[in-house]
Amino acid sequence: MAENVSWDDIIKLILTLPSGVNVLVPKKIGLPPNAKRTIGEASILKFGKDYEITLPDGRRIHIVELEDCYKVHWDRYSPLVDPIKHLKVDSPQWYSVIESLFRFIRSKF
């Protein structure tokens, strides 16, 4: 990635790709100032930190800070805007785990 690339350029590129497709961004670019810390797989499983930029239409740019770079993609739904749709559409594997857990708990009571 070119040295003078801005986060606006990166976001424009990300939004041309299908949702969930990651682009690796060098850490020397730094985090965008409007990125909010959020909870995600990287934070929960402790392999990185999760950040997001919520877009006006409810989508989000998901930035995962790893040791040597950022892994960036877009999601159709921000968990800050619609957590259930985010899980169902953007993280169906986690939705299945949570749904199975609730089914198990209900079966015990």
PDB file of N, CA and C in Angstrom:
ATOM      1  N   MET A   1       0.851  -1.170   0.000  1.00  0.00           N
ATOM      2  CA  MET A   1       0.000   0.000   0.000  1.00  0.00           C
ATOM      3  C   MET A   1       0.900   1.237   0.000  1.00  0.00           C
ATOM      4  N   ALA A   2       0.572   2.236  -0.784  1.00  0.00           N
ATOM      5  CA  ALA A   2       1.399   3.435  -0.908  1.00  0.00           C
ATOM      6  C   ALA A   2       1.492   4.172   0.414  1.00  0.00           C
ATOM      7  N   GLU A   3       2.603   4.853   0.616  1.00  0.00           N
ATOM      8  CA  GLU A   3       2.857   5.563   1.873  1.00  0.00           C
ATOM      9  C   GLU A   3       1.866   6.682   2.143  1.00  0.00           C
ATOM     10  N   ASN A   4       1.371   7.351   1.117  1.00  0.00           N
ATOM     11  CA  ASN A   4       0.510   8.520   1.323  1.00  0.00           C
ATOM     12  C   ASN A   4      -0.982   8.182   1.231  1.00  0.00           C
ATOM     13  N   VAL A   5      -1.339   6.928   1.451  1.00  0.00           N
ATOM     14  CA  VAL A   5      -2.733   6.504   1.403  1.00  0.00           C
ATOM     15  C   VAL A   5      -3.437   6.985   2.669  1.00  0.00           C
ATOM     16  N   SER A   6      -4.641   7.498   2.496  1.00  0.00           N
ATOM     17  CA  SER A   6      -5.428   7.956   3.644  1.00  0.00           C
ATOM     18  C   SER A   6      -6.475   6.913   3.998  1.00  0.00           C
ATOM     19  N   TRP A   7      -7.063   7.045   5.179  1.00  0.00           N
ATOM     20  CA  TRP A   7      -8.147   6.135   5.557  1.00  0.00           C
ATOM     21  C   TRP A   7      -9.349   6.326   4.642  1.00  0.00           C
ATOM     22  N   ASP A   8      -9.567   7.526   4.132  1.00  0.00           N
ATOM     23  CA  ASP A   8     -10.656   7.726   3.157  1.00  0.00           C
ATOM     24  C   ASP A   8     -10.432   6.850   1.929  1.00  0.00           C
ATOM     25  N   ASP A   9      -9.182   6.794   1.459  1.00  0.00           N
ATOM     26  CA  ASP A   9      -8.846   5.939   0.310  1.00  0.00           C
ATOM     27  C   ASP A   9      -9.066   4.465   0.644  1.00  0.00           C
ATOM     28  N   ILE A  10      -8.639   4.068   1.825  1.00  0.00           N
ATOM     29  CA  ILE A  10      -8.775   2.673   2.252  1.00  0.00           C
ATOM     30  C   ILE A  10     -10.252   2.295   2.336  1.00  0.00           C
ATOM     31  N   ILE A  11     -11.054   3.163   2.935  1.00  0.00           N
ATOM     32  CA  ILE A  11     -12.489   2.889   3.082  1.00  0.00           C
ATOM     33  C   ILE A  11     -13.164   2.804   1.716  1.00  0.00           C
ATOM     34  N   LYS A  12     -12.805   3.695   0.806  1.00  0.00           N
ATOM     35  CA  LYS A  12     -13.374   3.631  -0.547  1.00  0.00           C
ATOM     36  C   LYS A  12     -13.049   2.288  -1.204  1.00  0.00           C
ATOM     37  N   LEU A  13     -11.818   1.826  -1.036  1.00  0.00           N
ATOM     38  CA  LEU A  13     -11.412   0.526  -1.581  1.00  0.00           C
ATOM     39  C   LEU A  13     -12.199  -0.598  -0.922  1.00  0.00           C
ATOM     40  N   ILE A  14     -12.280  -0.590   0.394  1.00  0.00           N
ATOM     41  CA  ILE A  14     -12.978  -1.640   1.142  1.00  0.00           C
ATOM     42  C   ILE A  14     -14.425  -1.767   0.653  1.00  0.00           C
ATOM     43  N   LEU A  15     -15.086  -0.630   0.445  1.00  0.00           N
ATOM     44  CA  LEU A  15     -16.499  -0.645   0.062  1.00  0.00           C
ATOM     45  C   LEU A  15     -16.738  -1.134  -1.369  1.00  0.00           C
ATOM     46  N   THR A  16     -15.674  -1.278  -2.158  1.00  0.00           N
ATOM     47  CA  THR A  16     -15.833  -1.857  -3.500  1.00  0.00           C
ATOM     48  C   THR A  16     -15.779  -3.384  -3.454  1.00  0.00           C
ATOM     49  N   LEU A  17     -15.356  -3.934  -2.331  1.00  0.00           N
ATOM     50  CA  LEU A  17     -15.220  -5.384  -2.168  1.00  0.00           C
ATOM     51  C   LEU A  17     -16.487  -5.962  -1.538  1.00  0.00           C
ATOM     52  N   PRO A  18     -16.689  -7.255  -1.653  1.00  0.00           N
ATOM     53  CA  PRO A  18     -17.819  -7.867  -0.945  1.00  0.00           C
ATOM     54  C   PRO A  18     -17.646  -7.711   0.569  1.00  0.00           C
ATOM     55  N   SER A  19     -18.751  -7.674   1.289  1.00  0.00           N
ATOM     56  CA  SER A  19     -18.649  -7.539   2.748  1.00  0.00           C
ATOM     57  C   SER A  19     -17.857  -8.707   3.317  1.00  0.00           C
ATOM     58  N   GLY A  20     -17.090  -8.412   4.348  1.00  0.00           N
ATOM     59  CA  GLY A  20     -16.308  -9.441   5.021  1.00  0.00           C
ATOM     60  C   GLY A  20     -14.959  -9.745   4.410  1.00  0.00           C
ATOM     61  N   VAL A  21     -14.651  -9.193   3.233  1.00  0.00           N
ATOM     62  CA  VAL A  21     -13.353  -9.440   2.600  1.00  0.00           C
ATOM     63  C   VAL A  21     -12.334  -8.491   3.221  1.00  0.00           C
ATOM     64  N   ASN A  22     -11.286  -9.064   3.794  1.00  0.00           N
ATOM     65  CA  ASN A  22     -10.288  -8.271   4.518  1.00  0.00           C
ATOM     66  C   ASN A  22      -9.198  -7.717   3.624  1.00  0.00           C
ATOM     67  N   VAL A  23      -8.747  -6.521   3.989  1.00  0.00           N
ATOM     68  CA  VAL A  23      -7.580  -5.887   3.399  1.00  0.00           C
ATOM     69  C   VAL A  23      -6.612  -5.633   4.542  1.00  0.00           C
ATOM     70  N   LEU A  24      -5.355  -5.949   4.339  1.00  0.00           N
ATOM     71  CA  LEU A  24      -4.342  -5.695   5.359  1.00  0.00           C
ATOM     72  C   LEU A  24      -3.777  -4.292   5.160  1.00  0.00           C
ATOM     73  N   VAL A  25      -3.728  -3.539   6.255  1.00  0.00           N
ATOM     74  CA  VAL A  25      -3.261  -2.154   6.223  1.00  0.00           C
ATOM     75  C   VAL A  25      -2.076  -2.042   7.181  1.00  0.00           C
ATOM     76  N   PRO A  26      -0.958  -1.459   6.731  1.00  0.00           N
ATOM     77  CA  PRO A  26       0.201  -1.316   7.613  1.00  0.00           C
ATOM     78  C   PRO A  26      -0.123  -0.449   8.839  1.00  0.00           C
ATOM     79  N   LYS A  27       0.430  -0.827   9.982  1.00  0.00           N
ATOM     80  CA  LYS A  27       0.161  -0.077  11.215  1.00  0.00           C
ATOM     81  C   LYS A  27       0.769   1.314  11.184  1.00  0.00           C
ATOM     82  N   LYS A  28       1.769   1.543  10.335  1.00  0.00           N
ATOM     83  CA  LYS A  28       2.390   2.870  10.298  1.00  0.00           C
ATOM     84  C   LYS A  28       1.401   3.943   9.853  1.00  0.00           C
ATOM     85  N   ILE A  29       0.288   3.534   9.226  1.00  0.00           N
ATOM     86  CA  ILE A  29      -0.744   4.492   8.833  1.00  0.00           C
ATOM     87  C   ILE A  29      -1.488   5.019  10.058  1.00  0.00           C
ATOM     88  N   GLY A  30      -1.532   4.221  11.118  1.00  0.00           N
ATOM     89  CA  GLY A  30      -2.225   4.623  12.346  1.00  0.00           C
ATOM     90  C   GLY A  30      -3.729   4.430  12.213  1.00  0.00           C
ATOM     91  N   LEU A  31      -4.394   4.413  13.357  1.00  0.00           N
ATOM     92  CA  LEU A  31      -5.857   4.277  13.355  1.00  0.00           C
ATOM     93  C   LEU A  31      -6.514   5.566  12.892  1.00  0.00           C
ATOM     94  N   PRO A  32      -7.655   5.476  12.225  1.00  0.00           N
ATOM     95  CA  PRO A  32      -8.378   6.707  11.888  1.00  0.00           C
ATOM     96  C   PRO A  32      -8.912   7.348  13.171  1.00  0.00           C
ATOM     97  N   PRO A  33      -8.955   8.672  13.233  1.00  0.00           N
ATOM     98  CA  PRO A  33      -9.374   9.356  14.461  1.00  0.00           C
ATOM     99  C   PRO A  33     -10.825   9.070  14.855  1.00  0.00           C
ATOM    100  N   ASN A  34     -11.671   8.689  13.910  1.00  0.00           N
ATOM    101  CA  ASN A  34     -13.087   8.441  14.224  1.00  0.00           C
ATOM    102  C   ASN A  34     -13.390   6.975  14.513  1.00  0.00           C
ATOM    103  N   ALA A  35     -12.357   6.140  14.645  1.00  0.00           N
ATOM    104  CA  ALA A  35     -12.563   4.722  14.962  1.00  0.00           C
ATOM    105  C   ALA A  35     -12.899   4.589  16.443  1.00  0.00           C
ATOM    106  N   LYS A  36     -13.978   3.847  16.723  1.00  0.00           N
ATOM    107  CA  LYS A  36     -14.412   3.607  18.099  1.00  0.00           C
ATOM    108  C   LYS A  36     -14.025   2.197  18.507  1.00  0.00           C
ATOM    109  N   ARG A  37     -13.543   2.060  19.717  1.00  0.00           N
ATOM    110  CA  ARG A  37     -13.240   0.725  20.252  1.00  0.00           C
ATOM    111  C   ARG A  37     -14.556  -0.021  20.416  1.00  0.00           C
ATOM    112  N   THR A  38     -14.575  -1.279  20.044  1.00  0.00           N
ATOM    113  CA  THR A  38     -15.783  -2.086  20.137  1.00  0.00           C
ATOM    114  C   THR A  38     -15.403  -3.503  20.551  1.00  0.00           C
ATOM    115  N   ILE A  39     -16.402  -4.306  20.826  1.00  0.00           N
ATOM    116  CA  ILE A  39     -16.161  -5.703  21.177  1.00  0.00           C
ATOM    117  C   ILE A  39     -16.342  -6.537  19.914  1.00  0.00           C
ATOM    118  N   GLY A  40     -15.417  -7.429  19.693  1.00  0.00           N
ATOM    119  CA  GLY A  40     -15.499  -8.311  18.538  1.00  0.00           C
ATOM    120  C   GLY A  40     -14.710  -9.569  18.812  1.00  0.00           C
ATOM    121  N   GLU A  41     -14.624 -10.391  17.817  1.00  0.00           N
ATOM    122  CA  GLU A  41     -13.939 -11.676  17.952  1.00  0.00           C
ATOM    123  C   GLU A  41     -12.493 -11.499  18.411  1.00  0.00           C
ATOM    124  N   ALA A  42     -11.796 -10.514  17.848  1.00  0.00           N
ATOM    125  CA  ALA A  42     -10.390 -10.298  18.217  1.00  0.00           C
ATOM    126  C   ALA A  42     -10.252  -9.949  19.689  1.00  0.00           C
ATOM    127  N   SER A  43     -11.146  -9.100  20.181  1.00  0.00           N
ATOM    128  CA  SER A  43     -11.101  -8.713  21.592  1.00  0.00           C
ATOM    129  C   SER A  43     -11.490  -9.873  22.493  1.00  0.00           C
ATOM    130  N   ILE A  44     -12.564 -10.571  22.118  1.00  0.00           N
ATOM    131  CA  ILE A  44     -13.059 -11.675  22.947  1.00  0.00           C
ATOM    132  C   ILE A  44     -12.032 -12.801  23.024  1.00  0.00           C
ATOM    133  N   LEU A  45     -11.447 -13.151  21.877  1.00  0.00           N
ATOM    134  CA  LEU A  45     -10.474 -14.242  21.843  1.00  0.00           C
ATOM    135  C   LEU A  45      -9.046 -13.771  22.120  1.00  0.00           C
ATOM    136  N   LYS A  46      -8.886 -12.483  22.366  1.00  0.00           N
ATOM    137  CA  LYS A  46      -7.616 -11.869  22.787  1.00  0.00           C
ATOM    138  C   LYS A  46      -6.460 -12.031  21.796  1.00  0.00           C
ATOM    139  N   PHE A  47      -6.774 -11.943  20.501  1.00  0.00           N
ATOM    140  CA  PHE A  47      -5.692 -11.946  19.519  1.00  0.00           C
ATOM    141  C   PHE A  47      -5.515 -10.572  18.880  1.00  0.00           C
ATOM    142  N   GLY A  48      -6.298  -9.591  19.314  1.00  0.00           N
ATOM    143  CA  GLY A  48      -6.194  -8.238  18.789  1.00  0.00           C
ATOM    144  C   GLY A  48      -7.222  -7.344  19.432  1.00  0.00           C
ATOM    145  N   LYS A  49      -7.391  -6.154  18.864  1.00  0.00           N
ATOM    146  CA  LYS A  49      -8.377  -5.189  19.338  1.00  0.00           C
ATOM    147  C   LYS A  49      -9.307  -4.842  18.186  1.00  0.00           C
ATOM    148  N   ASP A  50     -10.588  -4.653  18.509  1.00  0.00           N
ATOM    149  CA  ASP A  50     -11.593  -4.328  17.500  1.00  0.00           C
ATOM    150  C   ASP A  50     -11.963  -2.851  17.564  1.00  0.00           C
ATOM    151  N   TYR A  51     -12.094  -2.251  16.378  1.00  0.00           N
ATOM    152  CA  TYR A  51     -12.535  -0.864  16.240  1.00  0.00           C
ATOM    153  C   TYR A  51     -13.560  -0.830  15.119  1.00  0.00           C
ATOM    154  N   GLU A  52     -14.377   0.199  15.136  1.00  0.00           N
ATOM    155  CA  GLU A  52     -15.304   0.362  14.019  1.00  0.00           C
ATOM    156  C   GLU A  52     -15.538   1.823  13.718  1.00  0.00           C
ATOM    157  N   ILE A  53     -15.886   2.035  12.469  1.00  0.00           N
ATOM    158  CA  ILE A  53     -16.402   3.323  12.008  1.00  0.00           C
ATOM    159  C   ILE A  53     -17.803   3.018  11.512  1.00  0.00           C
ATOM    160  N   THR A  54     -18.807   3.571  12.177  1.00  0.00           N
ATOM    161  CA  THR A  54     -20.192   3.352  11.774  1.00  0.00           C
ATOM    162  C   THR A  54     -20.515   4.324  10.648  1.00  0.00           C
ATOM    163  N   LEU A  55     -20.980   3.789   9.542  1.00  0.00           N
ATOM    164  CA  LEU A  55     -21.334   4.618   8.393  1.00  0.00           C
ATOM    165  C   LEU A  55     -22.769   5.125   8.538  1.00  0.00           C
ATOM    166  N   PRO A  56     -23.105   6.244   7.895  1.00  0.00           N
ATOM    167  CA  PRO A  56     -24.450   6.825   8.037  1.00  0.00           C
ATOM    168  C   PRO A  56     -25.592   5.880   7.677  1.00  0.00           C
ATOM    169  N   ASP A  57     -25.339   4.905   6.782  1.00  0.00           N
ATOM    170  CA  ASP A  57     -26.407   3.986   6.367  1.00  0.00           C
ATOM    171  C   ASP A  57     -26.508   2.739   7.250  1.00  0.00           C
ATOM    172  N   GLY A  58     -25.744   2.696   8.360  1.00  0.00           N
ATOM    173  CA  GLY A  58     -25.815   1.569   9.286  1.00  0.00           C
ATOM    174  C   GLY A  58     -24.761   0.501   9.060  1.00  0.00           C
ATOM    175  N   ARG A  59     -24.065   0.551   7.923  1.00  0.00           N
ATOM    176  CA  ARG A  59     -22.957  -0.380   7.715  1.00  0.00           C
ATOM    177  C   ARG A  59     -21.804   0.059   8.616  1.00  0.00           C
ATOM    178  N   ARG A  60     -20.785  -0.773   8.653  1.00  0.00           N
ATOM    179  CA  ARG A  60     -19.619  -0.365   9.416  1.00  0.00           C
ATOM    180  C   ARG A  60     -18.337  -0.823   8.754  1.00  0.00           C
ATOM    181  N   ILE A  61     -17.296  -0.071   9.031  1.00  0.00           N
ATOM    182  CA  ILE A  61     -15.943  -0.469   8.691  1.00  0.00           C
ATOM    183  C   ILE A  61     -15.382  -1.110   9.951  1.00  0.00           C
ATOM    184  N   HIS A  62     -15.006  -2.374   9.864  1.00  0.00           N
ATOM    185  CA  HIS A  62     -14.481  -3.108  11.014  1.00  0.00           C
ATOM    186  C   HIS A  62     -12.970  -3.185  10.876  1.00  0.00           C
ATOM    187  N   ILE A  63     -12.292  -2.641  11.877  1.00  0.00           N
ATOM    188  CA  ILE A  63     -10.831  -2.623  11.899  1.00  0.00           C
ATOM    189  C   ILE A  63     -10.373  -3.516  13.042  1.00  0.00           C
ATOM    190  N   VAL A  64      -9.586  -4.517  12.716  1.00  0.00           N
ATOM    191  CA  VAL A  64      -9.011  -5.396  13.730  1.00  0.00           C
ATOM    192  C   VAL A  64      -7.521  -5.068  13.808  1.00  0.00           C
ATOM    193  N   GLU A  65      -7.114  -4.605  14.979  1.00  0.00           N
ATOM    194  CA  GLU A  65      -5.702  -4.291  15.187  1.00  0.00           C
ATOM    195  C   GLU A  65      -4.975  -5.568  15.613  1.00  0.00           C
ATOM    196  N   LEU A  66      -4.072  -6.008  14.782  1.00  0.00           N
ATOM    197  CA  LEU A  66      -3.234  -7.156  15.078  1.00  0.00           C
ATOM    198  C   LEU A  66      -1.855  -6.646  15.491  1.00  0.00           C
ATOM    199  N   GLU A  67      -0.963  -7.546  15.798  1.00  0.00           N
ATOM    200  CA  GLU A  67       0.358  -7.133  16.266  1.00  0.00           C
ATOM    201  C   GLU A  67       1.112  -6.297  15.227  1.00  0.00           C
ATOM    202  N   ASP A  68       1.017  -6.682  13.948  1.00  0.00           N
ATOM    203  CA  ASP A  68       1.841  -6.031  12.928  1.00  0.00           C
ATOM    204  C   ASP A  68       1.077  -5.266  11.849  1.00  0.00           C
ATOM    205  N   CYS A  69      -0.268  -5.323  11.881  1.00  0.00           N
ATOM    206  CA  CYS A  69      -1.058  -4.634  10.856  1.00  0.00           C
ATOM    207  C   CYS A  69      -2.506  -4.509  11.314  1.00  0.00           C
ATOM    208  N   TYR A  70      -3.299  -3.831  10.500  1.00  0.00           N
ATOM    209  CA  TYR A  70      -4.754  -3.781  10.692  1.00  0.00           C
ATOM    210  C   TYR A  70      -5.392  -4.668   9.634  1.00  0.00           C
ATOM    211  N   LYS A  71      -6.399  -5.404  10.028  1.00  0.00           N
ATOM    212  CA  LYS A  71      -7.201  -6.203   9.097  1.00  0.00           C
ATOM    213  C   LYS A  71      -8.542  -5.483   9.007  1.00  0.00           C
ATOM    214  N   VAL A  72      -8.921  -5.061   7.805  1.00  0.00           N
ATOM    215  CA  VAL A  72     -10.073  -4.173   7.639  1.00  0.00           C
ATOM    216  C   VAL A  72     -11.060  -4.750   6.626  1.00  0.00           C
ATOM    217  N   HIS A  73     -12.347  -4.703   6.980  1.00  0.00           N
ATOM    218  CA  HIS A  73     -13.424  -5.092   6.054  1.00  0.00           C
ATOM    219  C   HIS A  73     -14.669  -4.294   6.421  1.00  0.00           C
ATOM    220  N   TRP A  74     -15.710  -4.444   5.615  1.00  0.00           N
ATOM    221  CA  TRP A  74     -16.976  -3.797   5.960  1.00  0.00           C
ATOM    222  C   TRP A  74     -18.021  -4.855   6.247  1.00  0.00           C
ATOM    223  N   ASP A  75     -18.942  -4.497   7.126  1.00  0.00           N
ATOM    224  CA  ASP A  75     -20.067  -5.354   7.487  1.00  0.00           C
ATOM    225  C   ASP A  75     -21.357  -4.671   7.080  1.00  0.00           C
ATOM    226  N   ARG A  76     -22.363  -5.458   6.740  1.00  0.00           N
ATOM    227  CA  ARG A  76     -23.661  -4.893   6.333  1.00  0.00           C
ATOM    228  C   ARG A  76     -24.375  -4.181   7.477  1.00  0.00           C
ATOM    229  N   TYR A  77     -24.167  -4.685   8.705  1.00  0.00           N
ATOM    230  CA  TYR A  77     -24.835  -4.100   9.878  1.00  0.00           C
ATOM    231  C   TYR A  77     -23.827  -3.880  10.993  1.00  0.00           C
ATOM    232  N   SER A  78     -23.836  -2.704  11.552  1.00  0.00           N
ATOM    233  CA  SER A  78     -23.009  -2.427  12.722  1.00  0.00           C
ATOM    234  C   SER A  78     -23.668  -3.026  13.949  1.00  0.00           C
ATOM    235  N   PRO A  79     -22.900  -3.699  14.802  1.00  0.00           N
ATOM    236  CA  PRO A  79     -23.486  -4.193  16.044  1.00  0.00           C
ATOM    237  C   PRO A  79     -23.915  -3.058  16.973  1.00  0.00           C
ATOM    238  N   LEU A  80     -23.391  -1.876  16.752  1.00  0.00           N
ATOM    239  CA  LEU A  80     -23.814  -0.722  17.550  1.00  0.00           C
ATOM    240  C   LEU A  80     -25.171  -0.198  17.096  1.00  0.00           C
ATOM    241  N   VAL A  81     -25.566  -0.507  15.854  1.00  0.00           N
ATOM    242  CA  VAL A  81     -26.851  -0.066  15.304  1.00  0.00           C
ATOM    243  C   VAL A  81     -27.893  -1.180  15.412  1.00  0.00           C
ATOM    244  N   ASP A  82     -27.534  -2.396  14.995  1.00  0.00           N
ATOM    245  CA  ASP A  82     -28.473  -3.524  15.021  1.00  0.00           C
ATOM    246  C   ASP A  82     -27.703  -4.808  15.328  1.00  0.00           C
ATOM    247  N   PRO A  83     -27.498  -5.102  16.619  1.00  0.00           N
ATOM    248  CA  PRO A  83     -26.659  -6.251  16.980  1.00  0.00           C
ATOM    249  C   PRO A  83     -27.192  -7.598  16.489  1.00  0.00           C
ATOM    250  N   ILE A  84     -28.508  -7.781  16.472  1.00  0.00           N
ATOM    251  CA  ILE A  84     -29.067  -9.058  16.030  1.00  0.00           C
ATOM    252  C   ILE A  84     -28.820  -9.256  14.533  1.00  0.00           C
ATOM    253  N   LYS A  85     -29.111  -8.236  13.721  1.00  0.00           N
ATOM    254  CA  LYS A  85     -28.851  -8.362  12.271  1.00  0.00           C
ATOM    255  C   LYS A  85     -27.357  -8.550  12.006  1.00  0.00           C
ATOM    256  N   HIS A  86     -26.521  -7.866  12.793  1.00  0.00           N
ATOM    257  CA  HIS A  86     -25.082  -8.031  12.606  1.00  0.00           C
ATOM    258  C   HIS A  86     -24.694  -9.491  12.820  1.00  0.00           C
ATOM    259  N   LEU A  87     -25.185 -10.084  13.907  1.00  0.00           N
ATOM    260  CA  LEU A  87     -24.862 -11.481  14.173  1.00  0.00           C
ATOM    261  C   LEU A  87     -25.414 -12.406  13.094  1.00  0.00           C
ATOM    262  N   LYS A  88     -26.674 -12.209  12.713  1.00  0.00           N
ATOM    263  CA  LYS A  88     -27.296 -13.098  11.717  1.00  0.00           C
ATOM    264  C   LYS A  88     -26.628 -13.007  10.352  1.00  0.00           C
ATOM    265  N   VAL A  89     -26.305 -11.790   9.921  1.00  0.00           N
ATOM    266  CA  VAL A  89     -25.815 -11.582   8.550  1.00  0.00           C
ATOM    267  C   VAL A  89     -24.284 -11.582   8.465  1.00  0.00           C
ATOM    268  N   ASP A  90     -23.647 -10.845   9.374  1.00  0.00           N
ATOM    269  CA  ASP A  90     -22.195 -10.649   9.273  1.00  0.00           C
ATOM    270  C   ASP A  90     -21.381 -11.641  10.099  1.00  0.00           C
ATOM    271  N   SER A  91     -21.982 -12.244  11.109  1.00  0.00           N
ATOM    272  CA  SER A  91     -21.279 -13.206  11.963  1.00  0.00           C
ATOM    273  C   SER A  91     -22.161 -14.412  12.242  1.00  0.00           C
ATOM    274  N   PRO A  92     -22.622 -15.089  11.189  1.00  0.00           N
ATOM    275  CA  PRO A  92     -23.574 -16.182  11.409  1.00  0.00           C
ATOM    276  C   PRO A  92     -23.014 -17.317  12.266  1.00  0.00           C
ATOM    277  N   GLN A  93     -21.703 -17.509  12.261  1.00  0.00           N
ATOM    278  CA  GLN A  93     -21.126 -18.562  13.091  1.00  0.00           C
ATOM    279  C   GLN A  93     -21.333 -18.246  14.566  1.00  0.00           C
ATOM    280  N   TRP A  94     -21.206 -16.984  14.965  1.00  0.00           N
ATOM    281  CA  TRP A  94     -21.436 -16.587  16.360  1.00  0.00           C
ATOM    282  C   TRP A  94     -22.923 -16.609  16.677  1.00  0.00           C
ATOM    283  N   TYR A  95     -23.750 -16.244  15.725  1.00  0.00           N
ATOM    284  CA  TYR A  95     -25.200 -16.310  15.945  1.00  0.00           C
ATOM    285  C   TYR A  95     -25.617 -17.752  16.235  1.00  0.00           C
ATOM    286  N   SER A  96     -25.077 -18.702  15.491  1.00  0.00           N
ATOM    287  CA  SER A  96     -25.400 -20.117  15.705  1.00  0.00           C
ATOM    288  C   SER A  96     -24.963 -20.587  17.087  1.00  0.00           C
ATOM    289  N   VAL A  97     -23.791 -20.165  17.513  1.00  0.00           N
ATOM    290  CA  VAL A  97     -23.300 -20.535  18.845  1.00  0.00           C
ATOM    291  C   VAL A  97     -24.228 -19.985  19.922  1.00  0.00           C
ATOM    292  N   ILE A  98     -24.595 -18.719  19.812  1.00  0.00           N
ATOM    293  CA  ILE A  98     -25.469 -18.093  20.809  1.00  0.00           C
ATOM    294  C   ILE A  98     -26.852 -18.729  20.789  1.00  0.00           C
ATOM    295  N   GLU A  99     -27.379 -18.973  19.598  1.00  0.00           N
ATOM    296  CA  GLU A  99     -28.693 -19.602  19.473  1.00  0.00           C
ATOM    297  C   GLU A  99     -28.684 -21.008  20.095  1.00  0.00           C
ATOM    298  N   SER A 100     -27.629 -21.766  19.850  1.00  0.00           N
ATOM    299  CA  SER A 100     -27.517 -23.108  20.436  1.00  0.00           C
ATOM    300  C   SER A 100     -27.415 -23.040  21.952  1.00  0.00           C
ATOM    301  N   LEU A 101     -26.691 -22.083  22.445  1.00  0.00           N
ATOM    302  CA  LEU A 101     -26.564 -21.905  23.890  1.00  0.00           C
ATOM    303  C   LEU A 101     -27.918 -21.599  24.526  1.00  0.00           C
ATOM    304  N   PHE A 102     -28.682 -20.698  23.917  1.00  0.00           N
ATOM    305  CA  PHE A 102     -30.017 -20.376  24.440  1.00  0.00           C
ATOM    306  C   PHE A 102     -30.948 -21.585  24.378  1.00  0.00           C
ATOM    307  N   ARG A 103     -30.876 -22.342  23.294  1.00  0.00           N
ATOM    308  CA  ARG A 103     -31.699 -23.555  23.185  1.00  0.00           C
ATOM    309  C   ARG A 103     -31.362 -24.554  24.288  1.00  0.00           C
ATOM    310  N   PHE A 104     -30.083 -24.708  24.551  1.00  0.00           N
ATOM    311  CA  PHE A 104     -29.630 -25.611  25.600  1.00  0.00           C
ATOM    312  C   PHE A 104     -30.141 -25.145  26.963  1.00  0.00           C
ATOM    313  N   ILE A 105     -30.002 -23.865  27.243  1.00  0.00           N
ATOM    314  CA  ILE A 105     -30.468 -23.313  28.534  1.00  0.00           C
ATOM    315  C   ILE A 105     -31.974 -23.496  28.678  1.00  0.00           C
ATOM    316  N   ARG A 106     -32.720 -23.195  27.608  1.00  0.00           N
ATOM    317  CA  ARG A 106     -34.187 -23.358  27.665  1.00  0.00           C
ATOM    318  C   ARG A 106     -34.593 -24.806  27.915  1.00  0.00           C
ATOM    319  N   SER A 107     -33.830 -25.722  27.343  1.00  0.00           N
ATOM    320  CA  SER A 107     -34.179 -27.129  27.516  1.00  0.00           C
ATOM    321  C   SER A 107     -33.964 -27.606  28.952  1.00  0.00           C
ATOM    322  N   LYS A 108     -33.177 -26.882  29.696  1.00  0.00           N
ATOM    323  CA  LYS A 108     -32.871 -27.269  31.084  1.00  0.00           C
ATOM    324  C   LYS A 108     -33.873 -26.682  32.085  1.00  0.00           C
ATOM    325  N   PHE A 109     -34.708 -25.745  31.631  1.00  0.00           N
ATOM    326  CA  PHE A 109     -35.649 -25.093  32.571  1.00  0.00           C
ATOM    327  C   PHE A 109     -37.069 -25.249  32.152  1.00  0.00           C
TER     328      PHE A 109
END
